Protein backbone atom coordinates (compact mmCIF):
# COMPACT_ATOMS: atom_id res chain seq x y z
CA MET A 1 19.29 -31.50 -1.42
CA ILE A 2 17.60 -29.23 -3.98
CA SER A 3 15.54 -26.26 -2.89
CA VAL A 4 12.20 -25.05 -4.27
CA ASP A 5 13.98 -22.00 -5.77
CA GLN A 6 16.44 -24.27 -7.53
CA LEU A 7 13.61 -26.31 -9.02
CA ALA A 8 11.87 -23.16 -10.18
CA ALA A 9 15.11 -22.05 -11.89
CA ILE A 10 15.24 -25.16 -14.16
CA PRO A 11 13.82 -23.95 -17.50
CA SER A 12 12.72 -27.36 -18.77
CA LEU A 13 10.33 -27.80 -15.80
CA GLY A 14 8.48 -24.56 -16.49
CA LEU A 15 7.52 -23.86 -12.86
CA GLN A 16 6.12 -20.49 -11.89
CA TYR A 17 5.41 -19.13 -8.38
CA LEU A 18 1.79 -18.47 -7.59
CA ALA A 19 2.41 -17.69 -3.87
CA GLY A 20 4.89 -18.19 -1.06
CA GLU A 21 8.04 -17.24 -2.93
CA SER A 22 9.60 -16.13 0.42
CA GLY A 23 9.72 -19.85 1.34
CA GLY A 24 11.74 -20.76 -1.74
CA ALA A 25 14.79 -21.81 0.27
CA ARG A 26 12.91 -24.82 1.61
CA LEU A 27 14.71 -28.10 0.81
CA VAL A 28 12.87 -30.87 -1.02
CA THR A 29 13.62 -34.39 0.13
CA TRP A 30 11.30 -36.35 -2.18
CA ALA A 31 8.45 -35.80 -4.67
CA HIS A 32 5.07 -37.53 -5.05
CA ALA A 33 1.98 -37.03 -7.19
CA CYS A 34 -1.40 -37.13 -5.51
CA ASP A 35 -4.95 -36.14 -6.49
CA LEU A 36 -6.62 -37.35 -3.33
CA PRO A 37 -8.69 -34.84 -1.30
CA ASP A 38 -6.51 -35.39 1.81
CA PRO A 39 -2.89 -35.51 0.59
CA TRP A 40 -1.54 -34.51 4.01
CA LEU A 41 -2.25 -38.08 5.19
CA TRP A 42 0.15 -39.55 2.64
CA PHE A 43 3.21 -37.34 2.73
CA GLU A 44 6.16 -36.76 5.08
CA HIS A 45 8.19 -33.77 6.17
CA GLY A 46 10.07 -32.18 3.24
CA ASP A 47 8.10 -33.92 0.44
CA LEU A 48 7.08 -31.97 -2.71
CA VAL A 49 3.36 -32.48 -3.47
CA MET A 50 2.44 -32.61 -7.17
CA THR A 51 -1.24 -32.52 -8.18
CA THR A 52 -3.41 -31.96 -11.28
CA GLY A 53 -5.98 -30.40 -8.97
CA GLY A 54 -8.33 -33.35 -8.92
CA GLY A 55 -8.45 -33.43 -5.14
CA LEU A 56 -8.96 -29.66 -4.68
CA PRO A 57 -12.31 -28.56 -3.21
CA ARG A 58 -14.18 -25.83 -5.10
CA GLY A 59 -15.17 -23.21 -2.58
CA ASP A 60 -12.97 -20.39 -1.18
CA THR A 61 -13.39 -21.50 2.41
CA GLU A 62 -12.82 -25.14 1.61
CA GLN A 63 -9.70 -24.41 -0.41
CA SER A 64 -8.19 -22.18 2.33
CA GLU A 65 -8.80 -24.93 4.91
CA TRP A 66 -7.37 -27.52 2.54
CA MET A 67 -4.26 -25.38 2.11
CA ALA A 68 -3.82 -24.92 5.86
CA HIS A 69 -4.00 -28.68 6.43
CA LEU A 70 -1.35 -29.28 3.79
CA ILE A 71 1.02 -26.65 5.22
CA ASP A 72 0.59 -28.11 8.72
CA SER A 73 1.82 -31.48 7.42
CA GLN A 74 5.32 -29.92 7.02
CA VAL A 75 5.61 -30.70 3.28
CA SER A 76 8.01 -28.41 1.37
CA ALA A 77 5.84 -27.09 -1.48
CA LEU A 78 2.89 -27.65 -3.76
CA VAL A 79 3.07 -27.89 -7.60
CA ILE A 80 -0.27 -27.61 -9.43
CA ALA A 81 -0.57 -28.67 -13.10
CA ARG A 82 -4.32 -28.23 -13.61
CA GLY A 83 -6.01 -30.81 -15.73
CA PRO A 84 -9.27 -30.49 -17.65
CA GLY A 85 -12.30 -30.04 -15.45
CA THR A 86 -10.33 -29.53 -12.18
CA PRO A 87 -11.26 -26.60 -9.89
CA ASP A 88 -9.65 -23.24 -10.31
CA VAL A 89 -7.09 -22.23 -7.68
CA THR A 90 -8.86 -19.56 -5.63
CA PRO A 91 -7.32 -16.38 -4.23
CA ALA A 92 -8.21 -17.64 -0.74
CA LEU A 93 -5.88 -20.66 -1.12
CA LEU A 94 -3.05 -18.44 -2.40
CA GLU A 95 -3.62 -15.94 0.38
CA VAL A 96 -3.10 -18.66 3.05
CA ALA A 97 0.05 -19.88 1.32
CA GLU A 98 1.46 -16.35 0.99
CA SER A 99 0.77 -15.45 4.58
CA ARG A 100 2.65 -18.54 5.75
CA GLY A 101 5.50 -18.42 3.30
CA PHE A 102 4.54 -21.74 1.71
CA PRO A 103 5.58 -22.13 -1.96
CA VAL A 104 2.78 -22.87 -4.41
CA LEU A 105 3.90 -23.22 -8.01
CA SER A 106 2.04 -23.70 -11.28
CA ALA A 107 3.12 -26.04 -14.05
CA SER A 108 1.86 -26.94 -17.48
CA PHE A 109 -0.46 -29.90 -17.60
CA ASP A 110 1.90 -31.24 -20.24
CA LEU A 111 4.67 -31.48 -17.59
CA GLN A 112 5.42 -35.07 -16.86
CA PHE A 113 5.51 -35.35 -13.10
CA VAL A 114 8.03 -38.14 -13.46
CA ALA A 115 10.53 -35.64 -14.87
CA LEU A 116 10.04 -33.39 -11.86
CA ALA A 117 10.26 -36.33 -9.48
CA ARG A 118 13.42 -37.62 -11.19
CA THR A 119 15.06 -34.24 -10.69
CA VAL A 120 14.21 -34.24 -6.97
CA ILE A 121 15.27 -37.89 -6.51
CA GLU A 122 18.57 -37.44 -8.34
CA SER A 123 19.26 -34.40 -6.13
CA ALA A 124 18.41 -36.38 -3.00
CA VAL A 125 20.66 -39.29 -4.06
CA GLU A 126 23.53 -36.93 -4.89
CA SER A 127 22.94 -35.13 -1.59
CA GLU A 128 23.22 -38.40 0.29
CA ARG A 129 26.40 -39.27 -1.60
CA GLN A 130 27.87 -35.93 -0.65
CA ARG A 131 26.76 -36.35 2.95
CA LEU A 132 28.49 -39.73 3.19
CA SER A 133 31.62 -38.16 1.81
CA SER A 134 31.33 -35.30 4.26
CA ILE A 135 30.81 -37.67 7.19
CA THR A 136 33.90 -39.65 6.18
CA ARG A 137 35.88 -36.42 5.97
CA LEU A 138 34.56 -35.26 9.37
CA TYR A 139 35.73 -38.49 11.04
CA ASP A 140 39.12 -38.21 9.36
CA VAL A 141 39.53 -34.60 10.48
CA TYR A 142 38.42 -35.40 14.03
CA TRP A 143 40.79 -38.40 14.24
CA GLN A 144 43.69 -36.26 13.10
CA ALA A 145 42.79 -33.57 15.61
CA LEU A 146 42.70 -36.13 18.42
CA HIS A 147 46.16 -37.40 17.45
CA ALA A 148 47.45 -33.80 17.42
CA ARG A 149 46.69 -33.73 21.18
CA GLY A 150 45.17 -30.26 21.00
CA THR A 151 42.37 -28.90 23.12
CA PHE A 152 38.65 -29.59 22.78
CA GLY A 153 38.37 -26.12 21.21
CA ASP A 154 41.04 -27.02 18.64
CA ARG A 155 39.01 -30.05 17.56
CA ILE A 156 35.82 -27.98 17.29
CA SER A 157 37.74 -25.47 15.15
CA ALA A 158 38.91 -28.31 12.87
CA LEU A 159 35.28 -29.31 12.39
CA GLU A 160 34.43 -25.70 11.59
CA GLY A 161 37.01 -25.79 8.82
CA THR A 162 35.40 -28.88 7.31
CA THR A 163 31.73 -27.84 7.57
CA GLY A 164 32.03 -24.08 7.09
CA TRP A 165 29.80 -23.55 10.14
CA ALA A 166 30.50 -21.66 13.36
CA LEU A 167 30.20 -24.30 16.12
CA GLU A 168 29.68 -24.08 19.86
CA VAL A 169 28.68 -26.51 22.57
CA ARG A 170 26.22 -24.96 25.06
CA ASP A 171 24.65 -26.09 28.32
CA HIS A 172 21.02 -24.94 28.42
CA GLY A 173 20.79 -26.37 31.92
CA ALA A 174 23.23 -23.68 32.96
CA GLY A 175 21.45 -20.84 31.20
CA GLY A 176 23.03 -21.34 27.82
CA GLU A 177 26.58 -21.30 29.22
CA VAL A 178 29.15 -21.95 26.47
CA ILE A 179 31.19 -25.12 27.17
CA VAL A 180 33.47 -24.75 24.16
CA SER A 181 33.62 -22.62 21.00
CA GLY A 182 35.43 -22.98 17.72
CA ARG A 183 37.59 -20.13 16.48
CA LEU A 184 35.01 -19.08 13.90
CA ALA A 185 32.30 -18.86 16.59
CA LEU A 186 34.65 -16.87 18.85
CA HIS A 187 35.39 -14.51 15.96
CA GLN A 188 31.69 -13.99 15.32
CA ARG A 189 31.08 -13.18 18.97
CA SER A 190 34.05 -10.82 19.23
CA GLY A 191 32.70 -8.99 16.21
CA HIS A 192 29.37 -8.57 18.01
CA ALA A 193 27.58 -10.64 15.40
CA ASP A 194 24.24 -12.03 16.34
CA PRO A 195 23.67 -15.25 14.42
CA ALA A 196 20.91 -16.40 16.77
CA ALA A 197 18.23 -16.06 14.09
CA ASP A 198 19.99 -18.53 11.78
CA ARG A 199 21.39 -20.74 14.51
CA VAL A 200 20.53 -24.47 14.41
CA GLU A 201 20.79 -26.49 17.64
CA ILE A 202 20.59 -30.25 18.19
CA PRO A 203 20.72 -32.09 21.55
CA ILE A 204 23.95 -33.96 22.38
CA PRO A 205 22.98 -37.62 23.07
CA GLY A 206 23.36 -38.58 26.73
CA ALA A 207 24.49 -35.17 27.84
CA GLY A 208 21.37 -33.76 29.58
CA GLU A 209 20.57 -30.27 28.28
CA VAL A 210 23.82 -29.84 26.39
CA VAL A 211 23.40 -28.89 22.72
CA LEU A 212 25.53 -28.42 19.65
CA SER A 213 24.93 -25.00 18.16
CA ALA A 214 25.77 -24.27 14.51
CA SER A 215 25.59 -20.83 12.89
CA PRO A 216 26.28 -19.88 9.27
CA GLY A 217 29.97 -19.32 8.57
CA ARG A 218 31.17 -19.74 5.02
CA VAL A 219 27.97 -21.60 4.18
CA PRO A 220 24.45 -21.75 5.61
CA VAL A 221 23.51 -24.54 8.05
CA ASN A 222 21.33 -26.58 5.74
CA ASP A 223 22.20 -30.20 6.56
CA ARG A 224 20.72 -31.26 9.82
CA PRO A 225 21.61 -34.96 9.49
CA LEU A 226 25.27 -33.98 9.07
CA LEU A 227 24.97 -31.81 12.17
CA GLN A 228 23.57 -34.78 14.07
CA HIS A 229 26.70 -36.77 13.10
CA LEU A 230 28.74 -33.97 14.59
CA GLY A 231 26.65 -34.22 17.74
CA GLY A 232 27.52 -37.91 17.98
CA LEU A 233 31.25 -37.14 17.81
CA ILE A 234 30.98 -34.47 20.45
CA ALA A 235 28.90 -36.77 22.70
CA LEU A 236 31.85 -39.21 22.70
CA GLU A 237 34.22 -36.33 23.53
CA LEU A 238 32.04 -35.17 26.43
CA GLU A 239 31.64 -38.68 27.78
CA HIS A 240 35.38 -39.27 27.67
CA ASP A 241 36.03 -35.86 29.32
CA ALA A 242 33.47 -36.58 32.10
CA ALA A 243 35.01 -39.97 32.83
CA GLN A 244 38.48 -38.44 32.96
CA ARG A 245 37.30 -35.72 35.32
CA ASP A 246 35.64 -38.32 37.56
CA ARG A 247 38.97 -40.17 37.77
CA LEU A 248 40.86 -36.98 38.55
CA ARG A 249 38.36 -36.04 41.24
CA ALA A 250 38.68 -39.46 42.95
CA SER A 251 42.49 -39.39 42.88
CA GLY A 252 42.50 -35.74 43.99
CA ALA A 253 40.33 -36.57 47.05
CA ASP A 254 42.88 -39.24 48.09
CA LEU A 255 45.71 -36.75 47.72
CA LEU A 256 43.90 -34.10 49.80
CA VAL A 257 43.16 -36.59 52.58
CA GLY A 258 46.89 -37.30 52.77
CA LEU A 259 47.78 -33.61 52.74
CA LEU A 260 45.30 -32.80 55.49
CA ASP A 261 46.42 -35.61 57.82
CA GLU A 262 50.06 -34.73 56.85
CA THR A 263 50.97 -38.23 55.62
CA ILE A 264 51.82 -36.58 52.27
CA THR A 265 53.89 -33.40 51.91
CA PHE A 266 52.72 -30.65 49.69
CA ALA A 267 56.05 -30.63 47.89
CA ALA A 268 55.34 -34.20 46.76
CA VAL A 269 52.14 -33.24 44.95
CA TRP A 270 53.42 -29.97 43.47
CA PRO A 271 54.19 -31.53 40.05
CA GLU A 272 50.70 -33.15 40.03
CA LEU A 273 49.07 -29.72 40.43
CA ARG A 274 50.74 -28.55 37.22
CA HIS A 275 49.24 -31.49 35.36
CA ARG A 276 45.88 -30.43 36.74
CA GLY A 277 46.19 -26.93 35.24
CA MET A 278 47.21 -25.16 38.47
CA THR A 279 50.46 -23.56 37.45
CA ASN A 280 50.31 -20.20 39.27
CA GLY A 281 49.11 -19.24 42.71
CA VAL A 282 47.41 -22.01 44.65
CA VAL A 283 45.36 -21.80 47.86
CA VAL A 284 43.09 -23.90 50.03
CA ALA A 285 39.44 -22.90 49.77
CA CYS A 286 36.57 -23.86 52.05
CA TRP A 287 32.89 -23.52 51.07
CA SER A 288 29.90 -23.68 53.39
CA THR A 289 26.52 -22.08 54.03
CA PRO A 290 25.52 -20.10 57.16
CA ASN A 291 23.19 -22.88 58.34
CA ALA A 292 25.45 -25.80 57.31
CA ASP A 293 23.04 -26.76 54.50
CA PRO A 294 24.17 -29.56 52.16
CA LEU A 295 26.35 -28.48 49.26
CA HIS A 296 25.61 -29.79 45.74
CA HIS A 297 29.17 -30.73 45.06
CA GLU A 298 28.70 -34.13 43.32
CA THR A 299 29.24 -32.73 39.79
CA ILE A 300 31.05 -29.52 40.59
CA HIS A 301 34.22 -30.85 38.96
CA ARG A 302 32.39 -31.11 35.61
CA GLN A 303 31.22 -27.49 35.59
CA VAL A 304 32.26 -25.21 32.75
CA CYS A 305 34.00 -22.83 35.15
CA LEU A 306 36.47 -25.57 36.10
CA GLN A 307 37.06 -26.69 32.52
CA GLN A 308 40.73 -25.64 32.61
CA TYR A 309 41.43 -27.12 36.10
CA ALA A 310 41.16 -30.35 38.00
CA PRO A 311 41.33 -29.19 41.65
CA LEU A 312 41.74 -31.42 44.67
CA LEU A 313 38.22 -31.63 46.23
CA LEU A 314 37.13 -33.19 49.49
CA PRO A 315 33.68 -32.89 51.14
CA ARG A 316 33.69 -33.01 54.93
CA ALA A 317 30.35 -32.80 56.73
CA ALA A 318 28.75 -29.51 55.54
CA LEU A 319 32.05 -28.20 54.08
CA LEU A 320 33.82 -28.60 50.75
CA ILE A 321 37.59 -28.20 51.03
CA ALA A 322 39.75 -27.81 47.97
CA VAL A 323 43.21 -26.97 46.68
CA VAL A 324 42.44 -24.60 43.83
CA PRO A 325 43.93 -21.74 41.83
CA ARG A 326 43.83 -18.37 43.57
CA ASP A 327 41.17 -16.92 41.29
CA LEU A 328 38.59 -15.16 43.46
CA ASP A 329 36.09 -14.75 40.59
CA LEU A 330 36.31 -18.47 39.88
CA LEU A 331 35.83 -19.32 43.55
CA ALA A 332 32.80 -16.98 43.81
CA THR A 333 31.30 -18.61 40.70
CA ILE A 334 31.62 -22.03 42.41
CA ASN A 335 29.57 -20.59 45.28
CA THR A 336 26.59 -20.22 42.99
CA LYS A 337 26.88 -23.84 41.78
CA LEU A 338 27.07 -25.33 45.30
CA ALA A 339 24.15 -23.77 47.18
CA PRO A 340 22.22 -20.54 47.76
CA ASP A 341 23.98 -18.27 50.30
CA CYS A 342 27.18 -20.27 49.92
CA ALA A 343 30.42 -18.45 50.80
CA VAL A 344 34.04 -19.37 50.41
CA GLY A 345 37.00 -18.80 52.69
CA VAL A 346 40.44 -18.61 51.10
CA SER A 347 43.78 -19.38 52.78
CA SER A 348 47.06 -17.55 52.23
CA ALA A 349 48.99 -18.66 49.15
CA LEU A 350 50.59 -22.11 49.31
CA THR A 351 54.25 -22.81 48.67
CA ALA A 352 56.04 -26.12 48.23
CA ASN A 353 56.78 -26.15 51.97
CA SER A 354 53.31 -25.16 53.17
CA SER A 355 51.16 -27.12 55.62
CA VAL A 356 47.86 -27.83 53.85
CA ALA A 357 46.27 -28.69 57.18
CA GLU A 358 47.15 -25.24 58.51
CA ALA A 359 45.94 -23.61 55.29
CA ALA A 360 42.63 -25.52 55.63
CA ARG A 361 42.15 -24.10 59.10
CA GLN A 362 42.85 -20.64 57.73
CA ALA A 363 40.19 -21.22 55.05
CA GLN A 364 37.64 -22.38 57.64
CA LEU A 365 38.37 -19.27 59.72
CA ALA A 366 37.91 -17.13 56.64
CA VAL A 367 34.60 -18.69 55.58
CA ALA A 368 33.24 -18.20 59.13
CA ARG A 369 34.24 -14.57 58.86
CA ALA A 370 32.55 -14.38 55.44
CA HIS A 371 29.25 -15.50 56.97
CA GLU A 372 29.61 -13.03 59.84
CA GLN A 373 30.22 -10.18 57.41
CA ASP A 374 27.64 -11.34 54.82
CA GLN A 375 30.38 -11.76 52.21
CA THR A 376 30.64 -14.25 49.35
CA VAL A 377 34.44 -14.43 49.51
CA ASN A 378 36.80 -13.83 52.44
CA VAL A 379 40.57 -14.12 52.17
CA TYR A 380 42.44 -14.99 55.33
CA GLY A 381 44.48 -12.04 56.52
CA GLU A 382 42.91 -9.51 54.10
CA ASP A 383 39.66 -8.66 55.96
CA ILE A 384 39.65 -4.87 56.04
CA ASP A 385 36.58 -4.90 58.32
CA ASP A 386 38.32 -6.86 61.09
CA VAL A 387 38.25 -4.69 64.22
CA GLY A 388 40.87 -6.82 65.97
CA PHE A 389 38.77 -8.33 68.79
CA LEU A 390 39.40 -11.89 67.69
CA PRO A 391 42.83 -13.38 66.94
CA ARG A 392 43.81 -13.22 63.27
CA SER A 393 46.20 -16.19 62.95
CA MET A 394 45.52 -19.84 63.65
CA GLU A 395 48.48 -20.07 66.02
CA ASP A 396 47.24 -17.02 68.00
CA THR A 397 43.82 -18.65 68.22
CA ARG A 398 45.27 -21.92 69.52
CA ARG A 399 47.44 -20.09 72.02
CA LEU A 400 44.48 -18.07 73.35
CA VAL A 401 42.32 -21.20 73.69
CA ARG A 402 45.04 -23.17 75.46
CA THR A 403 45.82 -20.29 77.88
CA THR A 404 42.19 -19.48 78.73
CA LEU A 405 40.36 -22.77 78.41
CA GLY A 406 43.19 -25.25 78.83
CA PRO A 407 42.64 -25.94 82.56
CA LEU A 408 38.93 -26.37 82.00
CA ILE A 409 39.39 -28.76 79.06
CA ALA A 410 41.89 -30.81 81.05
CA HIS A 411 39.53 -30.93 84.04
CA ASP A 412 36.57 -32.01 81.89
CA LYS A 413 38.63 -34.75 80.20
CA SER A 414 39.80 -36.15 83.55
CA ASN A 415 36.52 -35.85 85.46
CA GLU A 416 33.93 -36.11 82.70
CA GLY A 417 32.88 -32.61 83.68
CA GLU A 418 31.06 -29.88 81.81
CA LEU A 419 32.88 -26.74 82.88
CA VAL A 420 33.53 -25.55 79.29
CA THR A 421 29.89 -26.15 78.31
CA SER A 422 28.67 -24.40 81.44
CA VAL A 423 30.77 -21.29 80.65
CA ARG A 424 29.59 -21.29 77.04
CA VAL A 425 25.90 -21.49 77.98
CA PHE A 426 26.27 -18.94 80.77
CA LEU A 427 27.82 -16.41 78.35
CA ARG A 428 25.29 -17.14 75.62
CA ASN A 429 22.51 -16.31 78.06
CA ASP A 430 24.19 -13.04 79.08
CA GLY A 431 24.80 -14.24 82.65
CA ALA A 432 21.20 -15.27 83.39
CA TRP A 433 21.63 -17.87 86.13
CA GLN A 434 18.24 -19.60 86.07
CA LYS A 435 17.92 -19.64 82.28
CA SER A 436 21.40 -21.10 81.97
CA ALA A 437 20.74 -23.73 84.64
CA ASP A 438 17.52 -24.74 82.94
CA GLU A 439 19.31 -25.12 79.58
CA LEU A 440 21.98 -27.23 81.24
CA LYS A 441 19.26 -29.25 83.05
CA ILE A 442 20.97 -28.70 86.44
CA HIS A 443 20.02 -26.91 89.67
CA ARG A 444 20.95 -23.23 89.84
CA GLN A 445 23.23 -23.86 92.80
CA THR A 446 25.11 -26.53 90.80
CA LEU A 447 25.88 -23.90 88.17
CA VAL A 448 27.12 -21.54 90.86
CA TYR A 449 29.43 -24.28 92.09
CA ARG A 450 30.70 -24.99 88.56
CA LEU A 451 31.56 -21.35 87.83
CA ARG A 452 33.38 -21.04 91.15
CA ARG A 453 35.41 -24.09 90.10
CA VAL A 454 36.14 -22.28 86.77
CA GLU A 455 37.48 -19.31 88.70
CA GLN A 456 39.67 -21.53 90.85
CA LEU A 457 41.19 -23.30 87.84
CA THR A 458 41.72 -20.26 85.55
CA GLY A 459 41.91 -17.25 87.84
CA LEU A 460 39.17 -15.71 85.69
CA LYS A 461 35.72 -15.01 87.06
CA PRO A 462 33.05 -15.68 84.46
CA THR A 463 30.69 -13.16 86.04
CA SER A 464 33.25 -10.33 85.79
CA THR A 465 33.76 -8.13 82.72
CA GLU A 466 37.36 -9.29 82.23
CA GLY A 467 36.55 -12.93 82.74
CA SER A 468 33.52 -13.01 80.47
CA ALA A 469 35.44 -11.09 77.77
CA MET A 470 38.38 -13.55 77.85
CA PHE A 471 36.19 -16.62 77.83
CA TRP A 472 34.08 -15.18 74.97
CA LEU A 473 37.20 -14.46 72.88
CA ALA A 474 38.55 -17.95 73.43
CA LEU A 475 35.29 -19.72 72.69
CA SER A 476 34.49 -17.57 69.65
CA GLY A 477 37.97 -17.96 68.24
CA ALA A 478 37.83 -21.72 68.61
CA GLU A 479 34.40 -21.90 67.00
CA ARG A 480 35.45 -19.75 64.04
CA ALA A 481 38.62 -21.75 63.47
CA LYS A 482 36.70 -25.07 63.85
CA LEU A 483 39.17 -26.23 66.48
CA ASP A 484 38.60 -29.52 68.33
CA LEU A 485 39.12 -28.45 71.96
CA ASP A 486 40.05 -31.99 73.08
CA GLU A 487 42.95 -32.12 70.60
CA LEU A 488 44.51 -28.93 72.00
CA ILE A 489 45.29 -30.54 75.35
CA ASP A 490 47.51 -33.54 75.58
């Protein structure tokens, strides 16, 4: 489309700026003549208003108000070709136009408005013809980029080459986080350029708060309808990507269930992990909050931070368990997406012969330790603050629990007793007999009998220093490792 400056540069039209030359880059979409006193009711955004001045009021105040109304209607410019007996253009009108950067131009009364309108219309028709050609070229370029099987970024870069704009897809719902950038946009950012002032953004249809951002590259961003066509292409790309990620998450959950119940070996899924972008170190991670609050995991697989990966994800109660790359920064970023105060426990590195079930228990032990130490990330076996009171390995934990609590667990299973619960409550209440009995809803003497039975079965006296310490270690270790006590005893 033609701009006001370009119209003013055509000698045959004889246009001269009276005010608002700073707005000369405004594009003109159409042109109309009007001598009515309220032209703003009859025009649309981008129109050029042509008048002989017949509708102008005469007073300074009235003309300034008239001008403000016209500017507010979002027309592009005003051309005045004063006829005989029409009011003079007052300085007040021009002052309003100048202050708001609105072009006001004068023309000879001899100017045939039809000539000016024809120039604008021919420009608009040619602009539309060029836009259709550009849209066709965009679709061709995008189709070729899809067949080249490149990345999303490669396709955005191909569109940059066609439009001459620096393109990015941003998620304003995530604080303006960049989903993907073309090479030109990356180059601008690496050169510390700040194109924000000239950036144009349009919403991506059906994508929430995701927008397509275009900044001047080889050419200025001056064709919003073309940019909207680009947004439509990218909406299709994002929808296809989201559907694919949903499918990968569903199949990944099935795989992880099989790995955890050991009906599938890790070696069998090793090639699948490479297809999911996990080509280097892989671990089991476990996320939770200190109070077992719900995790917002439903769309975590679509987050920008996981754009390069399709991890195996499985929610279980208040936990999220995953097979993911060993990237601690990435895992900590996922914390912030899942819930406030969320922490992650990380297992030792997996190999083709690893037990994922064992690694999951390591991750659960690590996340419990993270909460105890007020950490966001805890890696199993790398806790420098561990003072050694509790067992470090899962096998050591199971061995301690079996040795210390095994006879009590077996007794409770056979007799529907509550010896383990009684010991746990007694230790939690620091050996307070009556308080513990009240919590257990039993007579104090019944609790005395139960703890004597504990001593008979284990040889450890819960009221002694050694006995209470051993029982506390076993119970705490089992709780941290999320062990099911009943499963430890055949």
